[in-house]
């Protein structure tokens, strides 16, 4: 939900710029790629601190409980894939606002 809110807010804040791009002839596909790239960047930048925090929590739990906890590479890759997928879905939902925008209405 936070990812969607960040993307949607950014799309709405830059709606005049997206409308200008549409008005000068850029296709919706180009604008979709811009928003999807932003979502990919957001997911990668969000994954790194999340991974660091998860690793720290694993260490704290292992120390507190004495259980041998580890974070295998497969779990890290799964977390990255789910993070990217979640952000891409959020971007596809946020893109609807850009595609529906009419350049004449944005500047009116």
N, C-alpha and C. Protein backbone atom coordinates (compact mmCIF):
# COMPACT_ATOMS: atom_id res chain seq x y z
N UNK A 1 0.82 -1.20 0.00
CA UNK A 1 0.00 0.00 0.00
C UNK A 1 0.86 1.26 0.00
N UNK A 2 1.94 1.22 0.75
CA UNK A 2 2.83 2.38 0.80
C UNK A 2 3.47 2.62 -0.56
N UNK A 3 3.87 1.54 -1.20
CA UNK A 3 4.48 1.65 -2.53
C UNK A 3 3.50 2.30 -3.50
N UNK A 4 2.26 1.85 -3.48
CA UNK A 4 1.24 2.43 -4.36
C UNK A 4 1.05 3.90 -4.05
N UNK A 5 0.98 4.25 -2.78
CA UNK A 5 0.75 5.64 -2.39
C UNK A 5 1.89 6.54 -2.87
N UNK A 6 3.13 6.05 -2.72
CA UNK A 6 4.29 6.84 -3.17
C UNK A 6 4.24 7.03 -4.69
N UNK A 7 3.99 5.95 -5.42
CA UNK A 7 3.93 6.05 -6.88
C UNK A 7 2.77 6.94 -7.34
N UNK A 8 1.60 6.75 -6.74
CA UNK A 8 0.44 7.52 -7.14
C UNK A 8 0.67 9.01 -6.87
N UNK A 9 1.23 9.32 -5.71
CA UNK A 9 1.49 10.72 -5.38
C UNK A 9 2.49 11.33 -6.36
N UNK A 10 3.51 10.57 -6.71
CA UNK A 10 4.48 11.07 -7.67
C UNK A 10 3.86 11.28 -9.05
N UNK A 11 3.01 10.35 -9.45
CA UNK A 11 2.34 10.48 -10.75
C UNK A 11 1.44 11.71 -10.76
N UNK A 12 0.68 11.91 -9.71
CA UNK A 12 -0.22 13.07 -9.63
C UNK A 12 0.58 14.37 -9.59
N UNK A 13 1.69 14.37 -8.84
CA UNK A 13 2.52 15.58 -8.78
C UNK A 13 3.12 15.94 -10.13
N UNK A 14 3.40 14.93 -10.94
CA UNK A 14 4.02 15.18 -12.25
C UNK A 14 3.03 15.05 -13.41
N UNK A 15 1.76 15.11 -13.11
CA UNK A 15 0.74 14.98 -14.14
C UNK A 15 0.88 16.04 -15.25
N UNK A 16 1.18 17.30 -14.92
CA UNK A 16 1.37 18.28 -16.01
C UNK A 16 2.53 17.91 -16.94
N UNK A 17 3.61 17.37 -16.37
CA UNK A 17 4.74 16.96 -17.21
C UNK A 17 4.35 15.78 -18.10
N UNK A 18 3.63 14.81 -17.53
CA UNK A 18 3.18 13.67 -18.34
C UNK A 18 2.20 14.14 -19.42
N UNK A 19 1.33 15.07 -19.08
CA UNK A 19 0.38 15.59 -20.06
C UNK A 19 1.11 16.33 -21.18
N UNK A 20 2.17 17.05 -20.83
CA UNK A 20 2.97 17.73 -21.84
C UNK A 20 3.61 16.72 -22.79
N UNK A 21 4.15 15.64 -22.23
CA UNK A 21 4.73 14.60 -23.07
C UNK A 21 3.69 14.00 -24.01
N UNK A 22 2.48 13.77 -23.48
CA UNK A 22 1.42 13.24 -24.34
C UNK A 22 1.04 14.25 -25.43
N UNK A 23 1.02 15.54 -25.05
CA UNK A 23 0.61 16.58 -26.00
C UNK A 23 1.62 16.74 -27.14
N UNK A 24 2.89 16.51 -26.86
CA UNK A 24 3.89 16.68 -27.92
C UNK A 24 4.13 15.39 -28.71
N UNK A 25 3.36 14.34 -28.39
CA UNK A 25 3.38 13.17 -29.24
C UNK A 25 3.96 11.90 -28.67
N UNK A 26 4.39 11.92 -27.41
CA UNK A 26 4.88 10.67 -26.83
C UNK A 26 3.71 9.73 -26.60
N UNK A 27 3.94 8.49 -26.88
CA UNK A 27 2.89 7.48 -26.74
C UNK A 27 2.74 7.08 -25.27
N UNK A 28 1.59 6.49 -24.98
CA UNK A 28 1.34 6.02 -23.62
C UNK A 28 2.36 4.97 -23.19
N UNK A 29 2.86 4.21 -24.17
CA UNK A 29 3.83 3.16 -23.86
C UNK A 29 5.10 3.75 -23.26
N UNK A 30 5.55 4.90 -23.76
CA UNK A 30 6.74 5.56 -23.22
C UNK A 30 6.49 5.99 -21.77
N UNK A 31 5.33 6.58 -21.53
CA UNK A 31 5.00 7.05 -20.19
C UNK A 31 4.87 5.88 -19.23
N UNK A 32 4.29 4.78 -19.69
CA UNK A 32 4.21 3.58 -18.85
C UNK A 32 5.59 3.09 -18.46
N UNK A 33 6.51 3.11 -19.44
CA UNK A 33 7.88 2.66 -19.13
C UNK A 33 8.54 3.54 -18.10
N UNK A 34 8.28 4.85 -18.15
CA UNK A 34 8.86 5.77 -17.17
C UNK A 34 8.37 5.42 -15.77
N UNK A 35 7.08 5.21 -15.63
CA UNK A 35 6.51 4.90 -14.31
C UNK A 35 6.96 3.51 -13.85
N UNK A 36 7.04 2.55 -14.76
CA UNK A 36 7.50 1.22 -14.38
C UNK A 36 8.97 1.23 -13.97
N UNK A 37 9.78 2.04 -14.63
CA UNK A 37 11.19 2.17 -14.20
C UNK A 37 11.28 2.78 -12.81
N UNK A 38 10.44 3.75 -12.56
CA UNK A 38 10.43 4.36 -11.22
C UNK A 38 10.03 3.32 -10.18
N UNK A 39 9.07 2.48 -10.51
CA UNK A 39 8.65 1.43 -9.58
C UNK A 39 9.77 0.42 -9.35
N UNK A 40 10.49 0.07 -10.41
CA UNK A 40 11.61 -0.86 -10.26
C UNK A 40 12.68 -0.26 -9.37
N UNK A 41 13.00 1.00 -9.59
CA UNK A 41 13.99 1.68 -8.75
C UNK A 41 13.52 1.74 -7.31
N UNK A 42 12.26 2.05 -7.10
CA UNK A 42 11.69 2.10 -5.76
C UNK A 42 11.78 0.73 -5.08
N UNK A 43 11.50 -0.32 -5.83
CA UNK A 43 11.55 -1.66 -5.23
C UNK A 43 12.98 -2.05 -4.87
N UNK A 44 13.93 -1.73 -5.73
CA UNK A 44 15.32 -2.07 -5.43
C UNK A 44 15.86 -1.26 -4.26
N UNK A 45 15.52 0.01 -4.22
CA UNK A 45 15.98 0.85 -3.11
C UNK A 45 15.28 0.48 -1.80
N UNK A 46 14.08 -0.05 -1.88
CA UNK A 46 13.39 -0.48 -0.67
C UNK A 46 13.84 -1.85 -0.20
N UNK A 47 14.32 -2.67 -1.13
CA UNK A 47 14.74 -4.02 -0.77
C UNK A 47 16.02 -4.01 0.06
N UNK A 48 16.94 -3.13 -0.26
CA UNK A 48 18.24 -3.10 0.42
C UNK A 48 18.10 -2.82 1.92
N UNK A 49 17.41 -1.74 2.33
CA UNK A 49 17.27 -1.55 3.79
C UNK A 49 16.40 -2.63 4.44
N UNK A 50 15.41 -3.13 3.71
CA UNK A 50 14.59 -4.21 4.25
C UNK A 50 15.40 -5.47 4.48
N UNK A 51 16.29 -5.77 3.57
CA UNK A 51 17.17 -6.92 3.72
C UNK A 51 18.11 -6.74 4.91
N UNK A 52 18.67 -5.55 5.03
CA UNK A 52 19.57 -5.27 6.15
C UNK A 52 18.84 -5.40 7.49
N UNK A 53 17.63 -4.86 7.56
CA UNK A 53 16.85 -4.96 8.80
C UNK A 53 16.47 -6.40 9.10
N UNK A 54 16.10 -7.15 8.08
CA UNK A 54 15.76 -8.56 8.27
C UNK A 54 16.96 -9.35 8.78
N UNK A 55 18.13 -9.10 8.20
CA UNK A 55 19.33 -9.80 8.62
C UNK A 55 19.64 -9.46 10.08
N UNK A 56 19.49 -8.20 10.45
CA UNK A 56 19.72 -7.79 11.84
C UNK A 56 18.74 -8.48 12.78
N UNK A 57 17.48 -8.56 12.39
CA UNK A 57 16.48 -9.25 13.22
C UNK A 57 16.78 -10.74 13.33
N UNK A 58 17.25 -11.35 12.26
CA UNK A 58 17.65 -12.76 12.31
C UNK A 58 18.76 -12.94 13.34
N UNK A 59 19.77 -12.04 13.32
CA UNK A 59 20.87 -12.14 14.27
C UNK A 59 20.38 -11.96 15.70
N UNK A 60 19.51 -10.98 15.91
CA UNK A 60 18.98 -10.74 17.26
C UNK A 60 18.16 -11.92 17.76
N UNK A 61 17.32 -12.48 16.91
CA UNK A 61 16.51 -13.63 17.30
C UNK A 61 17.37 -14.86 17.56
N UNK A 62 18.38 -15.07 16.74
CA UNK A 62 19.27 -16.21 16.94
C UNK A 62 20.02 -16.08 18.26
N UNK A 63 20.44 -14.86 18.58
CA UNK A 63 21.14 -14.64 19.85
C UNK A 63 20.22 -14.77 21.05
N UNK A 64 19.00 -14.31 20.91
CA UNK A 64 18.06 -14.33 22.04
C UNK A 64 17.50 -15.73 22.31
N UNK A 65 17.30 -16.50 21.25
CA UNK A 65 16.68 -17.82 21.43
C UNK A 65 17.66 -18.96 21.40
N UNK A 66 18.84 -18.74 20.88
CA UNK A 66 19.81 -19.82 20.77
C UNK A 66 19.52 -20.76 19.60
N UNK A 67 18.53 -20.43 18.80
CA UNK A 67 18.20 -21.26 17.63
C UNK A 67 19.10 -20.88 16.46
N UNK A 68 19.49 -21.85 15.67
CA UNK A 68 20.33 -21.54 14.50
C UNK A 68 19.48 -21.00 13.34
N UNK A 69 19.41 -19.71 13.23
CA UNK A 69 18.64 -19.07 12.16
C UNK A 69 19.59 -18.59 11.08
N UNK A 70 19.24 -18.84 9.85
CA UNK A 70 20.03 -18.32 8.75
C UNK A 70 19.09 -17.80 7.67
N UNK A 71 19.63 -16.98 6.80
CA UNK A 71 18.84 -16.44 5.70
C UNK A 71 19.46 -16.95 4.40
N UNK A 72 18.89 -18.00 3.84
CA UNK A 72 19.47 -18.54 2.61
C UNK A 72 19.26 -17.60 1.42
N UNK A 73 20.08 -17.78 0.42
CA UNK A 73 20.00 -16.95 -0.78
C UNK A 73 18.64 -17.07 -1.45
N UNK A 74 18.04 -18.26 -1.38
CA UNK A 74 16.73 -18.44 -2.01
C UNK A 74 15.67 -17.54 -1.37
N UNK A 75 15.76 -17.34 -0.08
CA UNK A 75 14.81 -16.45 0.61
C UNK A 75 15.04 -15.00 0.22
N UNK A 76 16.30 -14.62 0.07
CA UNK A 76 16.63 -13.25 -0.33
C UNK A 76 16.09 -12.98 -1.74
N UNK A 77 16.29 -13.95 -2.64
CA UNK A 77 15.81 -13.80 -4.01
C UNK A 77 14.27 -13.75 -4.04
N UNK A 78 13.64 -14.60 -3.22
CA UNK A 78 12.17 -14.58 -3.15
C UNK A 78 11.66 -13.24 -2.65
N UNK A 79 12.31 -12.69 -1.62
CA UNK A 79 11.90 -11.38 -1.10
C UNK A 79 12.07 -10.30 -2.16
N UNK A 80 13.17 -10.36 -2.93
CA UNK A 80 13.39 -9.38 -3.99
C UNK A 80 12.32 -9.52 -5.07
N UNK A 81 12.03 -10.75 -5.47
CA UNK A 81 11.02 -10.96 -6.51
C UNK A 81 9.64 -10.47 -6.06
N UNK A 82 9.28 -10.75 -4.83
CA UNK A 82 7.99 -10.29 -4.33
C UNK A 82 7.94 -8.76 -4.21
N UNK A 83 9.04 -8.16 -3.81
CA UNK A 83 9.10 -6.70 -3.71
C UNK A 83 8.95 -6.05 -5.08
N UNK A 84 9.66 -6.58 -6.07
CA UNK A 84 9.57 -6.05 -7.43
C UNK A 84 8.16 -6.24 -7.98
N UNK A 85 7.59 -7.43 -7.76
CA UNK A 85 6.24 -7.70 -8.26
C UNK A 85 5.22 -6.75 -7.63
N UNK A 86 5.34 -6.55 -6.32
CA UNK A 86 4.41 -5.66 -5.62
C UNK A 86 4.51 -4.23 -6.18
N UNK A 87 5.71 -3.76 -6.40
CA UNK A 87 5.88 -2.41 -6.93
C UNK A 87 5.40 -2.29 -8.37
N UNK A 88 5.58 -3.32 -9.16
CA UNK A 88 5.11 -3.29 -10.55
C UNK A 88 3.58 -3.25 -10.60
N UNK A 89 2.93 -4.03 -9.76
CA UNK A 89 1.47 -4.00 -9.71
C UNK A 89 1.00 -2.62 -9.26
N UNK A 90 1.68 -2.05 -8.27
CA UNK A 90 1.33 -0.71 -7.82
C UNK A 90 1.51 0.31 -8.94
N UNK A 91 2.56 0.16 -9.72
CA UNK A 91 2.80 1.07 -10.83
C UNK A 91 1.72 0.94 -11.90
N UNK A 92 1.32 -0.28 -12.18
CA UNK A 92 0.26 -0.48 -13.19
C UNK A 92 -1.05 0.15 -12.75
N UNK A 93 -1.32 0.13 -11.47
CA UNK A 93 -2.53 0.77 -10.96
C UNK A 93 -2.39 2.30 -11.04
N UNK A 94 -1.21 2.81 -10.69
CA UNK A 94 -0.99 4.26 -10.71
C UNK A 94 -0.95 4.81 -12.13
N UNK A 95 -0.55 3.98 -13.09
CA UNK A 95 -0.45 4.43 -14.49
C UNK A 95 -1.81 4.81 -15.05
N UNK A 96 -2.86 4.21 -14.54
CA UNK A 96 -4.20 4.52 -15.06
C UNK A 96 -4.50 6.01 -15.01
N UNK A 97 -3.99 6.69 -13.99
CA UNK A 97 -4.23 8.14 -13.86
C UNK A 97 -3.55 8.90 -15.00
N UNK A 98 -2.36 8.48 -15.37
CA UNK A 98 -1.63 9.15 -16.44
C UNK A 98 -2.29 8.90 -17.78
N UNK A 99 -2.68 7.67 -18.03
CA UNK A 99 -3.27 7.31 -19.31
C UNK A 99 -4.62 8.02 -19.50
N UNK A 100 -5.35 8.18 -18.42
CA UNK A 100 -6.66 8.83 -18.50
C UNK A 100 -6.56 10.35 -18.61
N UNK A 101 -5.39 10.89 -18.35
CA UNK A 101 -5.24 12.36 -18.35
C UNK A 101 -5.32 12.91 -19.76
N UNK A 102 -6.12 13.93 -19.91
CA UNK A 102 -6.23 14.64 -21.19
C UNK A 102 -5.40 15.91 -21.07
N UNK A 103 -4.44 16.12 -21.95
CA UNK A 103 -3.58 17.32 -21.84
C UNK A 103 -4.37 18.62 -21.80
N UNK A 104 -5.48 18.69 -22.51
CA UNK A 104 -6.26 19.93 -22.52
C UNK A 104 -6.91 20.18 -21.17
N UNK A 105 -7.31 19.14 -20.47
CA UNK A 105 -7.94 19.31 -19.16
C UNK A 105 -6.93 19.62 -18.06
N UNK A 106 -5.71 19.08 -18.18
CA UNK A 106 -4.70 19.29 -17.15
C UNK A 106 -4.31 20.76 -17.08
N UNK A 107 -4.23 21.42 -18.23
CA UNK A 107 -3.78 22.83 -18.25
C UNK A 107 -4.94 23.84 -18.26
N UNK A 108 -6.15 23.34 -18.20
CA UNK A 108 -7.29 24.25 -18.25
C UNK A 108 -7.54 24.91 -16.91
